[in-house]
Amino acid sequence: MYLYTMKTKKERLLVIKRLISSKRLSNQEELLEALRAAGFELTQATLSRDLKEIKVGKMYDPEKGHIYVLLQQLTASERKPQAPTIPAESVISLGFSHHLGILKTLPGFASSVAIYIDNCNLPEIAGTIAGDDTILLILSEDHNRRQILDALGDILPGIEEKTV
């Protein structure tokens, strides 16, 4: 086993990309274990930020359920069928507080759903911040909750039934 001598963020991101491209990893624990085997020690929070930065999502895999993928490596046709179903199935609930939305997901899916929402470039959503199972939606001031629910409903079918 080759241990890396430099532990820079740039190198870590390259190794994460290589691992995701070469292995079918289904959760952050598996990815953290592979990174530790490669000589990297990092927290789950750091890994979550790294996954968002390099635009990692999840797609269906017949053997493992859902696996990490680099969104930039997917063709447009590969993204379209996966995008509406996986994020929507991952969402548990949506709540609001002033110009913020709180979206709860299944554990480990928040980053993927947040990246998906960000990549949809909805004018109603100014941005997202993701943890492991919670996404903070920063809502644009120009839009009311009905418009936000309609926009999210277009990309996350069934979200309205999950609103608390």
N, C-alpha and C. Protein backbone atom coordinates (compact mmCIF):
# COMPACT_ATOMS: atom_id res chain seq x y z
N MET A 1 0.85 -1.18 0.00
CA MET A 1 0.00 0.00 0.00
C MET A 1 0.89 1.24 0.00
N TYR A 2 0.58 2.16 -0.89
CA TYR A 2 1.34 3.39 -1.01
C TYR A 2 0.73 4.46 -0.13
N LEU A 3 1.50 5.03 0.77
CA LEU A 3 0.99 6.11 1.63
C LEU A 3 1.45 7.44 1.06
N TYR A 4 0.53 8.36 0.97
CA TYR A 4 0.83 9.67 0.42
C TYR A 4 1.63 10.49 1.43
N THR A 5 2.63 11.19 0.94
CA THR A 5 3.44 11.99 1.84
C THR A 5 2.88 13.40 1.98
N MET A 6 2.27 13.93 0.95
CA MET A 6 1.67 15.26 1.03
C MET A 6 0.19 15.12 1.31
N LYS A 7 -0.30 15.87 2.24
CA LYS A 7 -1.70 15.78 2.62
C LYS A 7 -2.42 17.10 2.36
N THR A 8 -2.22 17.66 1.19
CA THR A 8 -2.87 18.92 0.87
C THR A 8 -4.32 18.69 0.48
N LYS A 9 -5.09 19.75 0.55
CA LYS A 9 -6.49 19.65 0.15
C LYS A 9 -6.59 19.28 -1.33
N LYS A 10 -5.76 19.88 -2.15
CA LYS A 10 -5.78 19.60 -3.58
C LYS A 10 -5.55 18.11 -3.84
N GLU A 11 -4.57 17.55 -3.17
CA GLU A 11 -4.28 16.13 -3.34
C GLU A 11 -5.44 15.27 -2.81
N ARG A 12 -6.00 15.66 -1.69
CA ARG A 12 -7.13 14.92 -1.11
C ARG A 12 -8.31 14.90 -2.09
N LEU A 13 -8.60 16.05 -2.71
CA LEU A 13 -9.70 16.12 -3.66
C LEU A 13 -9.44 15.22 -4.87
N LEU A 14 -8.21 15.19 -5.33
CA LEU A 14 -7.85 14.32 -6.45
C LEU A 14 -8.04 12.85 -6.08
N VAL A 15 -7.64 12.48 -4.87
CA VAL A 15 -7.79 11.10 -4.42
C VAL A 15 -9.28 10.75 -4.27
N ILE A 16 -10.07 11.67 -3.75
CA ILE A 16 -11.52 11.43 -3.63
C ILE A 16 -12.11 11.18 -5.02
N LYS A 17 -11.74 12.02 -5.98
CA LYS A 17 -12.25 11.84 -7.35
C LYS A 17 -11.84 10.48 -7.91
N ARG A 18 -10.58 10.11 -7.68
CA ARG A 18 -10.10 8.82 -8.19
C ARG A 18 -10.85 7.66 -7.53
N LEU A 19 -11.05 7.75 -6.22
CA LEU A 19 -11.76 6.68 -5.52
C LEU A 19 -13.20 6.55 -6.01
N ILE A 20 -13.87 7.67 -6.18
CA ILE A 20 -15.27 7.64 -6.63
C ILE A 20 -15.36 7.11 -8.06
N SER A 21 -14.36 7.45 -8.88
CA SER A 21 -14.35 6.98 -10.27
C SER A 21 -14.01 5.50 -10.38
N SER A 22 -13.25 4.98 -9.44
CA SER A 22 -12.77 3.61 -9.57
C SER A 22 -13.50 2.59 -8.69
N LYS A 23 -14.22 3.05 -7.67
CA LYS A 23 -14.92 2.13 -6.76
C LYS A 23 -16.38 2.50 -6.68
N ARG A 24 -17.21 1.54 -6.36
CA ARG A 24 -18.63 1.82 -6.15
C ARG A 24 -18.85 2.02 -4.66
N LEU A 25 -18.75 3.27 -4.22
CA LEU A 25 -18.89 3.62 -2.81
C LEU A 25 -20.28 4.17 -2.57
N SER A 26 -20.96 3.64 -1.55
CA SER A 26 -22.35 4.03 -1.34
C SER A 26 -22.59 4.99 -0.18
N ASN A 27 -21.58 5.20 0.67
CA ASN A 27 -21.80 6.13 1.79
C ASN A 27 -20.47 6.76 2.23
N GLN A 28 -20.58 7.76 3.09
CA GLN A 28 -19.39 8.48 3.53
C GLN A 28 -18.47 7.61 4.37
N GLU A 29 -19.03 6.67 5.11
CA GLU A 29 -18.18 5.80 5.92
C GLU A 29 -17.25 4.97 5.03
N GLU A 30 -17.78 4.43 3.93
CA GLU A 30 -16.95 3.67 2.99
C GLU A 30 -15.86 4.55 2.38
N LEU A 31 -16.24 5.77 2.02
CA LEU A 31 -15.28 6.69 1.42
C LEU A 31 -14.22 7.12 2.43
N LEU A 32 -14.63 7.40 3.67
CA LEU A 32 -13.66 7.74 4.71
C LEU A 32 -12.68 6.60 4.95
N GLU A 33 -13.18 5.37 4.95
CA GLU A 33 -12.32 4.20 5.15
C GLU A 33 -11.30 4.08 4.01
N ALA A 34 -11.74 4.30 2.78
CA ALA A 34 -10.83 4.25 1.63
C ALA A 34 -9.79 5.37 1.70
N LEU A 35 -10.21 6.53 2.15
CA LEU A 35 -9.27 7.66 2.30
C LEU A 35 -8.25 7.37 3.40
N ARG A 36 -8.70 6.79 4.50
CA ARG A 36 -7.77 6.43 5.58
C ARG A 36 -6.76 5.40 5.10
N ALA A 37 -7.21 4.44 4.29
CA ALA A 37 -6.31 3.43 3.73
C ALA A 37 -5.27 4.08 2.81
N ALA A 38 -5.62 5.22 2.23
CA ALA A 38 -4.70 5.95 1.36
C ALA A 38 -3.86 6.95 2.16
N GLY A 39 -4.01 6.97 3.48
CA GLY A 39 -3.18 7.82 4.33
C GLY A 39 -3.77 9.17 4.69
N PHE A 40 -5.06 9.36 4.45
CA PHE A 40 -5.71 10.64 4.77
C PHE A 40 -6.57 10.48 6.01
N GLU A 41 -6.45 11.41 6.93
CA GLU A 41 -7.31 11.46 8.11
C GLU A 41 -8.13 12.75 8.02
N LEU A 42 -9.45 12.61 8.00
CA LEU A 42 -10.31 13.79 7.95
C LEU A 42 -11.63 13.46 8.61
N THR A 43 -12.37 14.50 8.93
CA THR A 43 -13.66 14.32 9.59
C THR A 43 -14.76 14.16 8.55
N GLN A 44 -15.90 13.69 9.00
CA GLN A 44 -17.06 13.55 8.12
C GLN A 44 -17.49 14.92 7.60
N ALA A 45 -17.39 15.96 8.44
CA ALA A 45 -17.77 17.31 8.02
C ALA A 45 -16.87 17.80 6.88
N THR A 46 -15.56 17.55 7.00
CA THR A 46 -14.63 17.95 5.94
C THR A 46 -14.94 17.19 4.66
N LEU A 47 -15.23 15.90 4.79
CA LEU A 47 -15.56 15.10 3.61
C LEU A 47 -16.84 15.62 2.95
N SER A 48 -17.83 15.99 3.73
CA SER A 48 -19.07 16.55 3.17
C SER A 48 -18.79 17.80 2.36
N ARG A 49 -17.96 18.69 2.91
CA ARG A 49 -17.59 19.92 2.18
C ARG A 49 -16.84 19.58 0.89
N ASP A 50 -15.93 18.61 0.98
CA ASP A 50 -15.17 18.20 -0.21
C ASP A 50 -16.11 17.65 -1.28
N LEU A 51 -17.06 16.83 -0.89
CA LEU A 51 -17.98 16.24 -1.86
C LEU A 51 -18.81 17.32 -2.56
N LYS A 52 -19.22 18.32 -1.81
CA LYS A 52 -19.98 19.41 -2.41
C LYS A 52 -19.09 20.22 -3.36
N GLU A 53 -17.85 20.49 -2.93
CA GLU A 53 -16.94 21.29 -3.75
C GLU A 53 -16.64 20.63 -5.10
N ILE A 54 -16.45 19.33 -5.10
CA ILE A 54 -16.12 18.65 -6.36
C ILE A 54 -17.37 18.10 -7.06
N LYS A 55 -18.53 18.50 -6.57
CA LYS A 55 -19.82 18.17 -7.19
C LYS A 55 -20.02 16.66 -7.34
N VAL A 56 -20.13 16.03 -6.19
CA VAL A 56 -20.40 14.60 -6.14
C VAL A 56 -21.88 14.40 -5.85
N GLY A 57 -22.48 13.51 -6.59
CA GLY A 57 -23.88 13.18 -6.37
C GLY A 57 -24.01 11.68 -6.16
N LYS A 58 -25.23 11.21 -6.14
CA LYS A 58 -25.48 9.77 -6.04
C LYS A 58 -26.39 9.37 -7.18
N MET A 59 -26.16 8.15 -7.66
CA MET A 59 -27.05 7.60 -8.66
C MET A 59 -27.33 6.15 -8.33
N TYR A 60 -28.39 5.64 -8.91
CA TYR A 60 -28.82 4.28 -8.62
C TYR A 60 -27.82 3.26 -9.15
N ASP A 61 -27.53 2.26 -8.33
CA ASP A 61 -26.70 1.14 -8.71
C ASP A 61 -27.48 -0.12 -8.35
N PRO A 62 -27.66 -1.04 -9.30
CA PRO A 62 -28.50 -2.21 -9.02
C PRO A 62 -27.99 -3.10 -7.89
N GLU A 63 -26.68 -3.10 -7.63
CA GLU A 63 -26.13 -3.97 -6.57
C GLU A 63 -26.01 -3.27 -5.22
N LYS A 64 -25.67 -1.98 -5.21
CA LYS A 64 -25.40 -1.29 -3.95
C LYS A 64 -26.47 -0.27 -3.57
N GLY A 65 -27.52 -0.15 -4.36
CA GLY A 65 -28.55 0.85 -4.06
C GLY A 65 -28.20 2.16 -4.74
N HIS A 66 -27.47 3.01 -4.03
CA HIS A 66 -27.02 4.28 -4.59
C HIS A 66 -25.52 4.41 -4.35
N ILE A 67 -24.81 4.92 -5.34
CA ILE A 67 -23.36 5.09 -5.23
C ILE A 67 -22.98 6.52 -5.58
N TYR A 68 -21.81 6.94 -5.08
CA TYR A 68 -21.29 8.25 -5.41
C TYR A 68 -20.84 8.30 -6.86
N VAL A 69 -21.10 9.44 -7.51
CA VAL A 69 -20.64 9.69 -8.86
C VAL A 69 -20.16 11.13 -8.96
N LEU A 70 -19.23 11.37 -9.85
CA LEU A 70 -18.81 12.73 -10.16
C LEU A 70 -19.78 13.27 -11.21
N LEU A 71 -20.54 14.29 -10.84
CA LEU A 71 -21.58 14.79 -11.74
C LEU A 71 -21.00 15.27 -13.06
N GLN A 72 -19.78 15.81 -13.06
CA GLN A 72 -19.18 16.30 -14.29
C GLN A 72 -18.89 15.17 -15.28
N GLN A 73 -18.77 13.95 -14.80
CA GLN A 73 -18.49 12.82 -15.69
C GLN A 73 -19.75 12.21 -16.30
N LEU A 74 -20.90 12.63 -15.81
CA LEU A 74 -22.15 12.11 -16.36
C LEU A 74 -22.56 12.93 -17.57
N THR A 75 -23.09 12.28 -18.57
CA THR A 75 -23.63 12.99 -19.71
C THR A 75 -24.98 13.59 -19.31
N ALA A 76 -25.48 14.50 -20.11
CA ALA A 76 -26.77 15.11 -19.82
C ALA A 76 -27.87 14.06 -19.76
N SER A 77 -27.82 13.06 -20.63
CA SER A 77 -28.85 12.03 -20.62
C SER A 77 -28.76 11.14 -19.38
N GLU A 78 -27.54 10.94 -18.85
CA GLU A 78 -27.40 10.16 -17.63
C GLU A 78 -27.90 10.94 -16.42
N ARG A 79 -27.73 12.24 -16.42
CA ARG A 79 -28.17 13.06 -15.29
C ARG A 79 -29.69 13.17 -15.23
N LYS A 80 -30.33 13.36 -16.36
CA LYS A 80 -31.75 13.65 -16.37
C LYS A 80 -32.59 12.54 -15.76
N PRO A 81 -32.42 11.26 -16.12
CA PRO A 81 -33.28 10.25 -15.52
C PRO A 81 -33.06 10.06 -14.03
N GLN A 82 -31.82 10.23 -13.58
CA GLN A 82 -31.52 10.00 -12.17
C GLN A 82 -31.92 11.18 -11.29
N ALA A 83 -31.72 12.38 -11.77
CA ALA A 83 -31.87 13.56 -10.94
C ALA A 83 -33.24 13.70 -10.30
N PRO A 84 -34.35 13.55 -11.03
CA PRO A 84 -35.64 13.77 -10.38
C PRO A 84 -36.00 12.70 -9.36
N THR A 85 -35.53 11.47 -9.51
CA THR A 85 -35.99 10.43 -8.61
C THR A 85 -35.16 10.31 -7.34
N ILE A 86 -33.84 10.27 -7.45
CA ILE A 86 -33.02 10.06 -6.26
C ILE A 86 -33.17 11.20 -5.25
N PRO A 87 -33.01 12.47 -5.66
CA PRO A 87 -33.20 13.52 -4.66
C PRO A 87 -34.59 13.50 -4.03
N ALA A 88 -35.62 13.32 -4.84
CA ALA A 88 -36.99 13.34 -4.30
C ALA A 88 -37.21 12.20 -3.31
N GLU A 89 -36.69 11.02 -3.61
CA GLU A 89 -36.85 9.88 -2.71
C GLU A 89 -36.06 10.07 -1.42
N SER A 90 -35.03 10.90 -1.45
CA SER A 90 -34.16 11.12 -0.29
C SER A 90 -34.73 12.13 0.69
N VAL A 91 -35.67 12.94 0.25
CA VAL A 91 -36.21 14.02 1.08
C VAL A 91 -37.26 13.48 2.04
N ILE A 92 -37.11 13.86 3.31
CA ILE A 92 -38.06 13.45 4.35
C ILE A 92 -39.06 14.56 4.64
N SER A 93 -38.56 15.80 4.79
CA SER A 93 -39.48 16.90 5.11
C SER A 93 -38.89 18.24 4.69
N LEU A 94 -39.76 19.23 4.61
CA LEU A 94 -39.38 20.60 4.30
C LEU A 94 -40.15 21.54 5.21
N GLY A 95 -39.44 22.44 5.86
CA GLY A 95 -40.06 23.46 6.70
C GLY A 95 -39.49 24.82 6.35
N PHE A 96 -40.16 25.88 6.83
CA PHE A 96 -39.72 27.24 6.53
C PHE A 96 -39.61 28.06 7.81
N SER A 97 -38.69 29.01 7.80
CA SER A 97 -38.58 30.01 8.84
C SER A 97 -38.07 31.29 8.18
N HIS A 98 -38.95 32.26 8.03
CA HIS A 98 -38.64 33.51 7.33
C HIS A 98 -38.11 33.21 5.93
N HIS A 99 -36.91 33.67 5.59
CA HIS A 99 -36.36 33.43 4.24
C HIS A 99 -35.39 32.26 4.24
N LEU A 100 -35.70 31.26 5.06
CA LEU A 100 -34.90 30.04 5.11
C LEU A 100 -35.82 28.84 4.98
N GLY A 101 -35.31 27.81 4.33
CA GLY A 101 -36.01 26.54 4.27
C GLY A 101 -35.13 25.49 4.93
N ILE A 102 -35.72 24.56 5.63
CA ILE A 102 -34.98 23.47 6.26
C ILE A 102 -35.48 22.18 5.65
N LEU A 103 -34.60 21.53 4.88
CA LEU A 103 -34.95 20.32 4.18
C LEU A 103 -34.23 19.17 4.85
N LYS A 104 -34.98 18.19 5.34
CA LYS A 104 -34.40 17.00 5.99
C LYS A 104 -34.35 15.88 4.95
N THR A 105 -33.22 15.15 4.94
CA THR A 105 -33.04 14.03 4.01
C THR A 105 -32.70 12.76 4.77
N LEU A 106 -32.64 11.68 4.06
CA LEU A 106 -32.11 10.45 4.63
C LEU A 106 -30.64 10.69 4.99
N PRO A 107 -30.10 10.02 6.00
CA PRO A 107 -28.70 10.23 6.37
C PRO A 107 -27.75 10.01 5.17
N GLY A 108 -26.83 10.98 4.99
CA GLY A 108 -25.83 10.88 3.94
C GLY A 108 -26.26 11.43 2.59
N PHE A 109 -27.50 11.88 2.45
CA PHE A 109 -27.99 12.33 1.15
C PHE A 109 -28.07 13.86 1.02
N ALA A 110 -27.85 14.60 2.08
CA ALA A 110 -28.02 16.05 2.02
C ALA A 110 -27.12 16.70 0.97
N SER A 111 -25.85 16.33 0.91
CA SER A 111 -24.94 16.93 -0.07
C SER A 111 -25.41 16.70 -1.49
N SER A 112 -25.83 15.47 -1.79
CA SER A 112 -26.28 15.16 -3.15
C SER A 112 -27.52 15.97 -3.52
N VAL A 113 -28.46 16.06 -2.61
CA VAL A 113 -29.69 16.81 -2.88
C VAL A 113 -29.36 18.29 -3.02
N ALA A 114 -28.49 18.82 -2.16
CA ALA A 114 -28.12 20.24 -2.23
C ALA A 114 -27.42 20.56 -3.55
N ILE A 115 -26.52 19.69 -3.98
CA ILE A 115 -25.84 19.90 -5.27
C ILE A 115 -26.86 19.89 -6.40
N TYR A 116 -27.79 18.97 -6.33
CA TYR A 116 -28.84 18.90 -7.35
C TYR A 116 -29.64 20.20 -7.39
N ILE A 117 -30.07 20.68 -6.22
CA ILE A 117 -30.83 21.92 -6.15
C ILE A 117 -30.00 23.08 -6.70
N ASP A 118 -28.74 23.17 -6.28
CA ASP A 118 -27.87 24.25 -6.77
C ASP A 118 -27.71 24.19 -8.28
N ASN A 119 -27.54 22.99 -8.83
CA ASN A 119 -27.33 22.84 -10.28
C ASN A 119 -28.58 23.14 -11.10
N CYS A 120 -29.74 23.13 -10.46
CA CYS A 120 -30.98 23.48 -11.16
C CYS A 120 -31.12 24.99 -11.36
N ASN A 121 -30.31 25.77 -10.65
CA ASN A 121 -30.30 27.23 -10.79
C ASN A 121 -31.69 27.85 -10.68
N LEU A 122 -32.40 27.49 -9.63
CA LEU A 122 -33.73 28.05 -9.40
C LEU A 122 -33.60 29.49 -8.93
N PRO A 123 -34.28 30.43 -9.56
CA PRO A 123 -34.21 31.81 -9.09
C PRO A 123 -34.81 31.99 -7.69
N GLU A 124 -35.66 31.06 -7.28
CA GLU A 124 -36.30 31.13 -5.96
C GLU A 124 -35.37 30.75 -4.82
N ILE A 125 -34.26 30.05 -5.13
CA ILE A 125 -33.31 29.58 -4.12
C ILE A 125 -31.98 30.30 -4.35
N ALA A 126 -31.57 31.10 -3.36
CA ALA A 126 -30.30 31.83 -3.48
C ALA A 126 -29.10 30.89 -3.31
N GLY A 127 -29.25 29.85 -2.49
CA GLY A 127 -28.16 28.90 -2.28
C GLY A 127 -28.53 27.88 -1.23
N THR A 128 -27.62 26.92 -1.02
CA THR A 128 -27.85 25.86 -0.04
C THR A 128 -26.60 25.65 0.80
N ILE A 129 -26.81 25.12 1.99
CA ILE A 129 -25.73 24.67 2.87
C ILE A 129 -26.16 23.29 3.37
N ALA A 130 -25.29 22.29 3.15
CA ALA A 130 -25.68 20.93 3.47
C ALA A 130 -24.83 20.34 4.58
N GLY A 131 -25.49 19.56 5.43
CA GLY A 131 -24.81 18.72 6.41
C GLY A 131 -24.95 17.28 5.97
N ASP A 132 -25.13 16.37 6.90
CA ASP A 132 -25.28 14.96 6.57
C ASP A 132 -26.72 14.65 6.16
N ASP A 133 -27.69 15.17 6.94
CA ASP A 133 -29.09 14.88 6.65
C ASP A 133 -29.98 16.12 6.68
N THR A 134 -29.37 17.30 6.65
CA THR A 134 -30.12 18.54 6.70
C THR A 134 -29.53 19.53 5.70
N ILE A 135 -30.43 20.23 4.99
CA ILE A 135 -30.02 21.27 4.05
C ILE A 135 -30.69 22.56 4.46
N LEU A 136 -29.90 23.60 4.57
CA LEU A 136 -30.43 24.94 4.79
C LEU A 136 -30.61 25.57 3.41
N LEU A 137 -31.84 25.91 3.07
CA LEU A 137 -32.14 26.59 1.81
C LEU A 137 -32.22 28.08 2.09
N ILE A 138 -31.42 28.86 1.41
CA ILE A 138 -31.48 30.31 1.54
C ILE A 138 -32.37 30.79 0.40
N LEU A 139 -33.52 31.32 0.77
CA LEU A 139 -34.54 31.65 -0.22
C LEU A 139 -34.36 33.08 -0.72
N SER A 140 -34.63 33.28 -1.99
CA SER A 140 -34.57 34.62 -2.57
C SER A 140 -35.71 35.46 -2.01
N GLU A 141 -35.45 36.72 -1.77
CA GLU A 141 -36.44 37.60 -1.16
C GLU A 141 -37.60 37.92 -2.08
N ASP A 142 -37.40 37.80 -3.37
CA ASP A 142 -38.41 38.21 -4.35
C ASP A 142 -39.55 37.21 -4.51
N HIS A 143 -39.45 36.06 -3.83
CA HIS A 143 -40.42 34.99 -4.07
C HIS A 143 -41.13 34.59 -2.78
N ASN A 144 -42.42 34.26 -2.92
CA ASN A 144 -43.18 33.82 -1.75
C ASN A 144 -43.07 32.30 -1.61
N ARG A 145 -43.59 31.77 -0.52
CA ARG A 145 -43.48 30.32 -0.26
C ARG A 145 -44.16 29.48 -1.33
N ARG A 146 -45.28 29.96 -1.84
CA ARG A 146 -45.99 29.22 -2.89
C ARG A 146 -45.09 29.06 -4.11
N GLN A 147 -44.41 30.14 -4.50
CA GLN A 147 -43.51 30.08 -5.66
C GLN A 147 -42.33 29.14 -5.39
N ILE A 148 -41.84 29.17 -4.17
CA ILE A 148 -40.72 28.30 -3.80
C ILE A 148 -41.16 26.84 -3.82
N LEU A 149 -42.34 26.55 -3.25
CA LEU A 149 -42.86 25.18 -3.27
C LEU A 149 -43.09 24.71 -4.71
N ASP A 150 -43.60 25.59 -5.56
CA ASP A 150 -43.82 25.21 -6.97
C ASP A 150 -42.50 24.90 -7.66
N ALA A 151 -41.49 25.74 -7.42
CA ALA A 151 -40.17 25.53 -8.04
C ALA A 151 -39.55 24.22 -7.54
N LEU A 152 -39.60 24.00 -6.23
CA LEU A 152 -39.05 22.76 -5.68
C LEU A 152 -39.86 21.55 -6.16
N GLY A 153 -41.17 21.72 -6.30
CA GLY A 153 -42.01 20.63 -6.78
C GLY A 153 -41.66 20.20 -8.19
N ASP A 154 -41.18 21.14 -8.99
CA ASP A 154 -40.76 20.81 -10.36
C ASP A 154 -39.53 19.91 -10.38
N ILE A 155 -38.64 20.09 -9.41
CA ILE A 155 -37.40 19.30 -9.41
C ILE A 155 -37.40 18.18 -8.37
N LEU A 156 -38.28 18.28 -7.37
CA LEU A 156 -38.39 17.26 -6.32
C LEU A 156 -39.86 16.83 -6.23
N PRO A 157 -40.32 15.98 -7.13
CA PRO A 157 -41.73 15.59 -7.13
C PRO A 157 -42.18 15.06 -5.76
N GLY A 158 -43.35 15.53 -5.33
CA GLY A 158 -43.90 15.08 -4.06
C GLY A 158 -43.47 15.89 -2.86
N ILE A 159 -42.67 16.95 -3.07
CA ILE A 159 -42.15 17.73 -1.94
C ILE A 159 -43.28 18.40 -1.16
N GLU A 160 -44.34 18.78 -1.83
CA GLU A 160 -45.42 19.48 -1.15
C GLU A 160 -46.06 18.61 -0.05
N GLU A 161 -46.15 17.31 -0.29
CA GLU A 161 -46.71 16.40 0.72
C GLU A 161 -45.77 16.24 1.93
N LYS A 162 -44.51 16.63 1.76
CA LYS A 162 -43.54 16.48 2.83
C LYS A 162 -43.32 17.78 3.60
N THR A 163 -44.08 18.82 3.27
CA THR A 163 -43.93 20.10 3.93
C THR A 163 -44.60 20.06 5.30
N VAL A 164 -43.84 20.53 6.30
CA VAL A 164 -44.35 20.54 7.68
C VAL A 164 -44.71 21.94 8.11
